[in-house]
């Protein structure tokens, strides 16, 4: 006589070492021999196993649930059946799905509550998912790291980033093989969003050795994701050649699986933009826009708009940027407004550009808004105002960045137009800019002139006799 609970225990032992084939064989062999009521329960355990494959396991989940209720109609009220049904519904309909019934959410059985928590997280009810989740030690080993992953996802949805980072770390320690790598990569992705670049790099370093050689085909897209994240890390470190090689490898791995993702195209375009290659970046941003989901479209449109602006196509750029301004929840609306102001400045609409830049500055887009305001002030020959805006850029921009260099260049140039009222400050601005300006750049000779004149005035000042 087949005991479903004992069979499930045996399957879980196989799953604890990631032996999915053995687990399936154990459950399916028992399923074949079992009487109808036991077979119905085993069908539910097979559905639980199918759920581990994510969306690709949905069809097997649906078939298994049908078999379970066919063999035992009373299972329609069983908490595990209800939890698994709710998870399948959430995988299919997302936030439109019905939450698990109370019998599933408050079941004593840890497996049932695990699947109920999955359903709630997939249905974008993170707070409820966290409340329903069972203690990890009560679950089979193969579900403990998955529980931490679901909990991390729920904390992310709630904006609790620090808790999510810690939970992804726990998940990585509990997982095995490529699953461990994927959890480190999830942590790295979140750390990159938080600007904690060094920690993200450390997480990626832990993940990379976990990929086997030769690489199993089913792990290809996970490795592509690693290269995609590594490219972002290297871009933040200003290692642009390495970043380009990494993102190209991510694209190659995706292409080998007939995939082409929004994220890889977007980051590839960003890297090329950082390398001063906006023309080459343009088709990549267009590709990203083609593959973008609705929530990603504003990001692709924004990048596309900036690339067009870099190519001095303000009319085309403004069209893309205006489309982003209509997205109320886009987190970089202030920066978009500053970019629109730059478009209007280049189109000679100075009053509109000034008004938009002032609004963008008030909303927190300090650097791009200040650059536009500096340009407008210069055109009006308001040199004191222009200097104030460019010095604000220098204070706020990352040292060595393009904006920081521009701020120093323009501040030195404005001071030269003012007649060097503070030659030491003009000298400092020119010197900082010159250190980061190529000899082939038109600015190089101008900055050398400013440096020389400021130095002469400083020397003259030192020689004066006080009365």
Protein backbone atom coordinates (compact mmCIF):
# COMPACT_ATOMS: atom_id res chain seq x y z
CA UNK A 1 0.00 0.00 0.00
CA UNK A 2 1.38 3.41 -1.05
CA UNK A 3 1.78 6.02 1.73
CA UNK A 4 1.69 9.49 0.05
CA UNK A 5 3.31 11.25 3.03
CA UNK A 6 6.22 8.80 3.13
CA UNK A 7 6.63 9.00 -0.65
CA UNK A 8 6.72 12.81 -0.44
CA UNK A 9 9.41 12.56 2.24
CA UNK A 10 11.52 10.38 -0.04
CA UNK A 11 11.04 12.82 -2.93
CA UNK A 12 12.07 15.70 -0.67
CA UNK A 13 15.30 13.88 0.22
CA UNK A 14 16.13 13.71 -3.51
CA UNK A 15 15.19 17.38 -3.94
CA UNK A 16 17.45 18.39 -1.05
CA UNK A 17 20.38 17.62 -3.37
CA UNK A 18 18.63 19.13 -6.42
CA UNK A 19 17.96 15.70 -7.94
CA UNK A 20 14.71 16.56 -9.71
CA UNK A 21 14.75 13.47 -11.91
CA UNK A 22 14.91 11.15 -8.92
CA UNK A 23 12.13 13.06 -7.16
CA UNK A 24 9.88 12.77 -10.22
CA UNK A 25 10.63 9.05 -10.54
CA UNK A 26 9.77 8.44 -6.87
CA UNK A 27 6.46 10.31 -7.10
CA UNK A 28 5.44 8.98 -10.51
CA UNK A 29 6.23 5.35 -9.59
CA UNK A 30 4.07 5.64 -6.47
CA UNK A 31 1.39 7.49 -8.42
CA UNK A 32 1.15 4.64 -10.94
CA UNK A 33 0.68 2.01 -8.22
CA UNK A 34 -1.48 3.91 -5.74
CA UNK A 35 -5.22 3.58 -5.22
CA UNK A 36 -7.42 6.53 -6.19
CA UNK A 37 -7.41 8.55 -2.91
CA UNK A 38 -3.63 8.14 -2.50
CA UNK A 39 -3.11 8.89 -6.17
CA UNK A 40 -5.04 12.16 -5.73
CA UNK A 41 -2.73 13.23 -2.89
CA UNK A 42 0.37 12.25 -4.89
CA UNK A 43 -0.95 14.34 -7.80
CA UNK A 44 -0.87 17.37 -5.46
CA UNK A 45 2.75 16.65 -4.53
CA UNK A 46 3.60 16.44 -8.23
CA UNK A 47 1.91 19.85 -8.69
CA UNK A 48 4.11 21.23 -5.90
CA UNK A 49 7.15 19.87 -7.73
CA UNK A 50 5.98 21.37 -11.05
CA UNK A 51 5.59 24.78 -9.38
CA UNK A 52 9.37 24.88 -8.86
CA UNK A 53 9.76 25.43 -12.61
CA UNK A 54 7.95 28.77 -12.41
CA UNK A 55 5.75 29.81 -15.30
CA UNK A 56 7.08 27.01 -17.48
CA UNK A 57 5.56 24.51 -15.04
CA UNK A 58 2.09 26.07 -15.16
CA UNK A 59 0.65 23.58 -17.66
CA UNK A 60 1.82 20.62 -15.58
CA UNK A 61 0.33 22.29 -12.48
CA UNK A 62 -3.01 22.69 -14.24
CA UNK A 63 -3.04 19.08 -15.40
CA UNK A 64 -2.06 17.78 -11.97
CA UNK A 65 -4.80 19.73 -10.20
CA UNK A 66 -7.35 18.36 -12.64
CA UNK A 67 -6.16 14.80 -11.99
CA UNK A 68 -6.22 15.33 -8.22
CA UNK A 69 -9.86 16.43 -8.11
CA UNK A 70 -10.83 13.76 -10.64
CA UNK A 71 -9.47 11.01 -8.39
CA UNK A 72 -10.88 12.56 -5.22
CA UNK A 73 -13.55 15.25 -5.53
CA UNK A 74 -13.26 16.06 -1.82
CA UNK A 75 -9.80 17.54 -2.47
CA UNK A 76 -11.49 20.67 -3.82
CA UNK A 77 -11.74 21.74 -0.16
CA UNK A 78 -8.27 20.54 0.82
CA UNK A 79 -5.98 23.43 1.98
CA UNK A 80 -3.02 22.24 -0.14
CA UNK A 81 -5.23 21.98 -3.24
CA UNK A 82 -6.59 25.48 -2.53
CA UNK A 83 -3.07 26.92 -2.06
CA UNK A 84 -1.73 25.34 -5.25
CA UNK A 85 -4.79 26.45 -7.22
CA UNK A 86 -4.32 30.00 -5.96
CA UNK A 87 -0.64 29.94 -6.95
CA UNK A 88 -1.51 28.76 -10.46
CA UNK A 89 -4.17 31.47 -10.73
CA UNK A 90 -1.67 34.11 -9.60
CA UNK A 91 0.91 32.89 -12.13
CA UNK A 92 -1.72 33.26 -14.83
CA UNK A 93 -3.51 36.47 -13.80
CA UNK A 94 -1.12 38.28 -11.49
CA UNK A 95 -2.79 40.92 -9.31
CA UNK A 96 -6.20 40.06 -10.80
CA UNK A 97 -6.08 36.58 -9.23
CA UNK A 98 -8.15 35.69 -6.21
CA UNK A 99 -6.11 35.31 -3.00
CA UNK A 100 -5.90 31.85 -1.40
CA UNK A 101 -8.88 30.91 0.73
CA UNK A 102 -8.45 31.34 4.52
CA UNK A 103 -8.18 27.56 4.96
CA UNK A 104 -4.98 27.66 2.89
CA UNK A 105 -3.56 30.80 4.48
CA UNK A 106 -4.04 29.60 8.03
CA UNK A 107 -3.27 25.88 7.52
CA UNK A 108 -1.04 24.12 10.04
CA UNK A 109 0.82 22.40 7.20
CA UNK A 110 3.98 24.35 6.26
CA UNK A 111 3.89 23.20 2.62
CA UNK A 112 0.37 24.57 2.21
CA UNK A 113 1.26 27.93 3.72
CA UNK A 114 4.38 28.10 1.55
CA UNK A 115 2.29 27.82 -1.61
CA UNK A 116 -0.28 30.27 -0.22
CA UNK A 117 2.55 32.77 0.38
CA UNK A 118 3.79 32.23 -3.19
CA UNK A 119 0.28 32.94 -4.48
CA UNK A 120 0.03 36.15 -2.48
CA UNK A 121 3.45 37.37 -3.57
CA UNK A 122 2.68 36.64 -7.23
CA UNK A 123 -0.66 38.41 -6.75
CA UNK A 124 1.22 41.52 -5.51
CA UNK A 125 0.01 41.23 -1.92
CA UNK A 126 3.45 41.23 -0.27
CA UNK A 127 2.37 42.10 3.26
CA UNK A 128 -0.09 39.21 3.36
CA UNK A 129 2.55 36.91 1.83
CA UNK A 130 4.98 37.70 4.65
CA UNK A 131 2.33 37.10 7.28
CA UNK A 132 1.29 33.73 5.83
CA UNK A 133 4.80 32.35 5.20
CA UNK A 134 5.74 29.45 7.51
CA UNK A 135 9.00 29.29 9.51
CA UNK A 136 11.74 28.04 7.17
CA UNK A 137 12.86 25.10 9.38
CA UNK A 138 9.36 23.59 9.08
CA UNK A 139 9.73 23.26 5.30
CA UNK A 140 11.56 20.60 3.30
CA UNK A 141 15.16 21.61 2.60
CA UNK A 142 14.56 22.36 -1.09
CA UNK A 143 11.92 24.97 -0.22
CA UNK A 144 13.83 26.87 2.46
CA UNK A 145 15.95 28.96 0.10
CA UNK A 146 12.91 29.48 -2.12
CA UNK A 147 10.94 30.78 0.85
CA UNK A 148 13.69 33.31 1.57
CA UNK A 149 13.63 34.33 -2.10
CA UNK A 150 9.87 34.88 -2.03
CA UNK A 151 10.19 36.82 1.22
CA UNK A 152 12.94 38.97 -0.32
CA UNK A 153 10.69 39.68 -3.30
CA UNK A 154 7.84 40.65 -0.98
CA UNK A 155 10.10 42.98 1.03
CA UNK A 156 11.25 44.56 -2.25
CA UNK A 157 7.64 45.16 -3.25
CA UNK A 158 7.13 46.91 0.11
CA UNK A 159 10.22 49.06 -0.42
CA UNK A 160 12.13 47.36 2.41
CA UNK A 161 15.37 47.11 0.46
CA UNK A 162 17.70 46.33 3.36
CA UNK A 163 15.55 43.40 4.49
CA UNK A 164 15.42 42.14 0.89
CA UNK A 165 19.22 42.30 0.55
CA UNK A 166 19.64 40.24 3.72
CA UNK A 167 17.01 37.68 2.64
CA UNK A 168 18.63 37.20 -0.77
CA UNK A 169 21.89 36.57 1.06
CA UNK A 170 20.19 33.94 3.26
CA UNK A 171 18.64 32.35 0.18
CA UNK A 172 22.06 32.15 -1.46
CA UNK A 173 23.56 30.41 1.59
CA UNK A 174 20.71 27.87 1.65
CA UNK A 175 20.63 27.14 -2.11
CA UNK A 176 22.84 24.81 -4.12
CA UNK A 177 24.65 25.08 -7.45
CA UNK A 178 23.25 27.47 -10.03
CA UNK A 179 20.35 28.38 -7.70
CA UNK A 180 22.92 29.76 -5.28
CA UNK A 181 24.41 31.80 -8.13
CA UNK A 182 20.96 33.14 -9.10
CA UNK A 183 20.31 34.29 -5.52
CA UNK A 184 23.65 36.10 -5.37
CA UNK A 185 22.70 37.73 -8.67
CA UNK A 186 19.32 38.83 -7.29
CA UNK A 187 21.13 40.40 -4.36
CA UNK A 188 23.63 42.06 -6.70
CA UNK A 189 20.84 43.52 -8.85
CA UNK A 190 19.24 45.10 -5.79
CA UNK A 191 22.57 46.38 -4.49
CA UNK A 192 23.24 48.02 -7.87
CA UNK A 193 19.86 49.78 -7.62
CA UNK A 194 20.84 51.00 -4.14
CA UNK A 195 24.17 52.35 -5.42
CA UNK A 196 26.15 49.86 -3.29
CA UNK A 197 28.42 48.96 -6.18
CA UNK A 198 31.29 47.31 -4.30
CA UNK A 199 28.92 44.96 -2.46
CA UNK A 200 27.20 44.12 -5.75
CA UNK A 201 30.57 43.27 -7.27
CA UNK A 202 31.36 40.98 -4.33
CA UNK A 203 28.03 39.14 -4.76
CA UNK A 204 28.72 38.67 -8.48
CA UNK A 205 32.19 37.39 -7.68
CA UNK A 206 30.63 34.72 -5.43
CA UNK A 207 28.17 33.72 -8.15
CA UNK A 208 30.51 33.27 -11.13
CA UNK A 209 32.39 30.10 -10.03
CA UNK A 210 29.09 28.28 -9.47
CA UNK A 211 28.48 27.90 -13.23
CA UNK A 212 29.65 24.51 -14.48
CA UNK A 213 31.81 23.83 -17.52
CA UNK A 214 30.60 22.82 -20.00
CA UNK A 215 27.60 25.01 -19.33
CA UNK A 216 24.27 23.10 -19.29
CA UNK A 217 21.85 24.64 -21.76
CA UNK A 218 19.24 25.28 -19.06
CA UNK A 219 21.75 27.54 -17.24
CA UNK A 220 22.57 29.69 -20.29
CA UNK A 221 20.13 32.51 -19.55
CA UNK A 222 21.20 32.61 -15.89
CA UNK A 223 24.81 33.13 -17.03
CA UNK A 224 23.61 35.77 -19.51
CA UNK A 225 22.02 37.54 -16.54
CA UNK A 226 25.35 37.35 -14.67
CA UNK A 227 27.16 39.06 -17.57
CA UNK A 228 24.38 41.67 -17.79
CA UNK A 229 24.83 42.54 -14.10
CA UNK A 230 28.62 42.41 -14.38
CA UNK A 231 28.42 44.92 -17.23
CA UNK A 232 26.45 47.30 -15.01
CA UNK A 233 28.99 46.88 -12.20
CA UNK A 234 31.88 47.60 -14.58
CA UNK A 235 30.05 50.59 -16.04
CA UNK A 236 29.66 52.04 -12.52
CA UNK A 237 33.41 51.46 -12.00
CA UNK A 238 34.03 53.35 -15.28
CA UNK A 239 35.63 50.22 -16.76
CA UNK A 240 33.85 50.78 -20.06
CA UNK A 241 35.88 48.39 -22.23
CA UNK A 242 35.23 45.55 -19.78
CA UNK A 243 31.57 46.55 -19.51
CA UNK A 244 31.20 46.46 -23.29
CA UNK A 245 32.74 42.98 -23.46
CA UNK A 246 30.44 41.75 -20.67
CA UNK A 247 27.23 43.07 -22.23
CA UNK A 248 28.20 41.66 -25.63
CA UNK A 249 28.68 38.25 -23.99
CA UNK A 250 25.26 38.57 -22.35
CA UNK A 251 23.74 39.32 -25.76
CA UNK A 252 25.57 36.36 -27.34
CA UNK A 253 24.28 33.96 -24.68
CA UNK A 254 20.74 35.27 -25.09
CA UNK A 255 20.94 34.93 -28.86
CA UNK A 256 22.05 31.30 -28.47
CA UNK A 257 18.67 30.69 -26.80
CA UNK A 258 16.77 32.81 -29.36
CA UNK A 259 16.23 35.46 -26.71
CA UNK A 260 16.73 39.23 -26.86
CA UNK A 261 15.92 41.12 -23.69
CA UNK A 262 15.04 44.73 -23.01
CA UNK A 263 17.63 44.99 -20.23
CA UNK A 264 20.63 43.83 -22.23
CA UNK A 265 19.84 46.19 -25.12
CA UNK A 266 19.31 49.11 -22.72
CA UNK A 267 22.57 48.60 -20.80
CA UNK A 268 24.50 48.06 -24.05
CA UNK A 269 23.18 51.41 -25.25
CA UNK A 270 24.09 53.07 -21.94
CA UNK A 271 27.64 51.77 -22.15
CA UNK A 272 28.04 53.09 -25.70
CA UNK A 273 26.63 56.46 -24.61
CA UNK A 274 29.17 56.58 -21.76
CA UNK A 275 31.89 55.87 -24.34
CA UNK A 276 30.73 58.87 -26.37
CA UNK A 277 29.08 56.75 -29.08
CA UNK A 278 25.45 57.97 -29.13
CA UNK A 279 24.98 57.10 -32.80
CA UNK A 280 25.85 53.44 -32.16
CA UNK A 281 23.69 53.50 -28.99
CA UNK A 282 20.59 54.73 -30.82
CA UNK A 283 19.57 51.40 -32.47
CA UNK A 284 20.11 49.59 -29.16
CA UNK A 285 17.74 51.93 -27.33
CA UNK A 286 15.23 51.42 -30.14
CA UNK A 287 15.66 47.67 -29.72
CA UNK A 288 15.13 48.04 -25.96
CA UNK A 289 11.93 49.97 -26.65
CA UNK A 290 10.72 47.15 -28.93
CA UNK A 291 11.22 44.54 -26.19
CA UNK A 292 10.08 46.70 -23.25
CA UNK A 293 7.04 45.84 -21.14
CA UNK A 294 4.69 48.74 -20.40
CA UNK A 295 6.45 49.57 -17.11
CA UNK A 296 9.86 49.64 -18.84
CA UNK A 297 8.93 51.83 -21.81
CA UNK A 298 9.58 55.18 -20.05
CA UNK A 299 13.17 54.11 -19.28
CA UNK A 300 13.84 53.18 -22.90
CA UNK A 301 12.17 56.36 -24.20
CA UNK A 302 14.21 58.50 -21.80
CA UNK A 303 17.50 56.91 -22.91
CA UNK A 304 16.43 57.26 -26.55
CA UNK A 305 15.63 60.93 -26.00
CA UNK A 306 19.00 61.63 -24.39
CA UNK A 307 20.84 59.81 -27.21
CA UNK A 308 18.99 61.91 -29.78
CA UNK A 309 19.91 65.03 -27.82
CA UNK A 310 23.56 63.95 -27.84
CA UNK A 311 23.25 63.68 -31.63
CA UNK A 312 21.89 67.25 -31.69
CA UNK A 313 18.42 66.19 -32.80
CA UNK A 314 16.39 68.23 -30.28
CA UNK A 315 13.07 68.00 -32.15
CA UNK A 316 13.17 64.17 -32.23
CA UNK A 317 14.51 64.06 -28.68
CA UNK A 318 11.73 66.28 -27.36
CA UNK A 319 9.08 64.00 -28.90
CA UNK A 320 10.44 60.97 -27.00
CA UNK A 321 10.91 62.90 -23.76
CA UNK A 322 7.40 64.38 -23.83
CA UNK A 323 6.02 60.84 -24.02
CA UNK A 324 7.84 60.05 -20.75
CA UNK A 325 6.44 63.15 -19.01
CA UNK A 326 3.00 61.57 -19.36
CA UNK A 327 4.06 58.69 -17.07
CA UNK A 328 3.20 59.93 -13.59
CA UNK A 329 5.05 57.20 -11.67
CA UNK A 330 8.33 57.38 -13.61
CA UNK A 331 10.97 58.05 -10.91
CA UNK A 332 13.15 60.36 -13.04
CA UNK A 333 10.57 62.89 -14.21
CA UNK A 334 12.66 65.80 -12.93
CA UNK A 335 15.60 64.67 -15.07
CA UNK A 336 13.29 64.29 -18.08
CA UNK A 337 12.05 67.84 -17.55
CA UNK A 338 15.66 69.05 -17.47
CA UNK A 339 16.31 67.22 -20.73
CA UNK A 340 13.22 68.83 -22.28
CA UNK A 341 14.63 72.18 -21.14
CA UNK A 342 17.88 71.34 -22.94
CA UNK A 343 15.89 70.57 -26.09
CA UNK A 344 14.12 73.93 -25.89
CA UNK A 345 17.42 75.72 -25.26
CA UNK A 346 18.90 74.20 -28.41
CA UNK A 347 15.77 75.20 -30.32
CA UNK A 348 16.28 78.81 -29.20
CA UNK A 349 13.28 78.85 -26.84
CA UNK A 350 15.12 80.48 -23.96
CA UNK A 351 12.14 81.52 -21.77
CA UNK A 352 10.62 78.01 -22.01
CA UNK A 353 14.00 76.40 -21.35
CA UNK A 354 14.59 78.57 -18.26
CA UNK A 355 11.14 77.87 -16.83
CA UNK A 356 11.44 74.10 -17.36
CA UNK A 357 14.96 74.01 -15.94
CA UNK A 358 13.88 75.96 -12.84
CA UNK A 359 11.04 73.47 -12.29
CA UNK A 360 13.46 70.55 -12.76
CA UNK A 361 15.90 72.12 -10.28
CA UNK A 362 13.11 72.53 -7.71
CA UNK A 363 12.17 68.86 -8.23
CA UNK A 364 15.70 67.64 -7.57
CA UNK A 365 17.38 67.31 -11.00
CA UNK A 366 20.18 69.57 -9.79
CA UNK A 367 22.96 68.81 -12.27
CA UNK A 368 21.16 68.74 -15.66
CA UNK A 369 18.89 71.64 -14.69
CA UNK A 370 21.86 73.75 -13.55
CA UNK A 371 23.68 73.11 -16.83
CA UNK A 372 20.70 74.42 -18.79
CA UNK A 373 20.27 77.40 -16.48
CA UNK A 374 23.96 78.20 -16.87
CA UNK A 375 23.63 78.15 -20.66
CA UNK A 376 20.55 80.38 -20.59
CA UNK A 377 22.23 82.84 -18.20
CA UNK A 378 25.27 83.02 -20.49
CA UNK A 379 23.07 83.76 -23.49
CA UNK A 380 21.51 86.62 -21.53
CA UNK A 381 25.05 87.62 -20.44
CA UNK A 382 24.11 87.22 -16.77
CA UNK A 383 27.60 86.07 -15.87
CA UNK A 384 27.18 86.00 -12.07
CA UNK A 385 24.10 83.78 -12.40
CA UNK A 386 25.86 81.53 -14.90
CA UNK A 387 28.84 81.09 -12.58
CA UNK A 388 26.56 80.20 -9.69
CA UNK A 389 24.87 77.49 -11.75
CA UNK A 390 28.15 75.97 -12.99
CA UNK A 391 29.69 75.97 -9.53
CA UNK A 392 26.59 74.13 -8.29
CA UNK A 393 27.27 71.48 -10.95
CA UNK A 394 30.86 71.12 -9.72
CA UNK A 395 29.67 70.67 -6.13
CA UNK A 396 27.01 68.09 -6.96
CA UNK A 397 28.53 66.04 -9.80
CA UNK A 398 30.76 63.01 -9.24
CA UNK A 399 34.44 63.99 -9.56
CA UNK A 400 35.77 63.05 -12.98
CA UNK A 401 32.31 62.68 -14.53
CA UNK A 402 31.41 64.41 -17.78
CA UNK A 403 29.14 66.89 -15.96
CA UNK A 404 31.82 67.65 -13.36
CA UNK A 405 34.36 68.38 -16.11
CA UNK A 406 31.83 70.56 -17.97
CA UNK A 407 31.10 72.47 -14.76
CA UNK A 408 34.79 73.24 -14.24
CA UNK A 409 35.30 74.18 -17.90
CA UNK A 410 32.37 76.56 -17.93
CA UNK A 411 33.15 78.07 -14.52
CA UNK A 412 36.70 78.86 -15.65
CA UNK A 413 35.39 80.32 -18.92
CA UNK A 414 32.80 82.52 -17.18
CA UNK A 415 35.45 83.82 -14.77
CA UNK A 416 37.63 84.66 -17.77
CA UNK A 417 34.74 86.62 -19.31
CA UNK A 418 34.36 88.45 -16.00
CA UNK A 419 38.01 89.49 -16.15
CA UNK A 420 39.31 87.05 -13.52
CA UNK A 421 37.89 88.73 -10.38
CA UNK A 422 39.17 85.72 -8.37
CA UNK A 423 42.19 84.40 -10.28
CA UNK A 424 42.89 81.62 -7.74
CA UNK A 425 39.37 80.18 -8.17
CA UNK A 426 39.62 80.51 -11.95
CA UNK A 427 43.00 78.76 -11.86
CA UNK A 428 41.56 75.90 -9.77
CA UNK A 429 38.61 75.40 -12.12
CA UNK A 430 40.83 75.47 -15.22
CA UNK A 431 43.39 73.12 -13.69
CA UNK A 432 40.74 70.54 -12.64
CA UNK A 433 39.14 70.65 -16.08
CA UNK A 434 42.48 70.47 -17.92
CA UNK A 435 43.47 67.28 -16.06
CA UNK A 436 40.44 65.54 -17.59
CA UNK A 437 40.45 67.15 -21.06
CA UNK A 438 42.15 65.46 -24.02
CA UNK A 439 44.79 67.47 -25.90
CA UNK A 440 42.75 67.01 -29.09
CA UNK A 441 39.70 68.67 -27.47
CA UNK A 442 39.00 72.29 -28.49
CA UNK A 443 38.71 73.09 -24.80
CA UNK A 444 42.33 72.13 -24.13
CA UNK A 445 43.88 75.27 -25.62
CA UNK A 446 41.18 77.52 -24.11
CA UNK A 447 41.77 76.11 -20.64
CA UNK A 448 45.54 76.49 -20.98
CA UNK A 449 45.02 80.17 -21.83
CA UNK A 450 42.75 80.63 -18.79
CA UNK A 451 45.27 78.84 -16.59
CA UNK A 452 48.14 80.99 -17.83
CA UNK A 453 46.25 84.28 -17.40
CA UNK A 454 45.01 83.34 -13.92
CA UNK A 455 48.54 82.30 -12.92
CA UNK A 456 49.93 85.63 -14.17
CA UNK A 457 47.34 87.59 -12.18
CA UNK A 458 48.01 85.52 -9.06
CA UNK A 459 51.74 86.26 -9.42
CA UNK A 460 51.06 89.95 -9.90
CA UNK A 461 48.86 89.99 -6.83
CA UNK A 462 51.62 88.46 -4.69
CA UNK A 463 54.01 91.25 -5.70
CA UNK A 464 51.83 94.17 -4.69
CA UNK A 465 52.95 96.50 -1.93
CA UNK A 466 50.43 97.28 0.77
CA UNK A 467 50.05 100.97 1.69
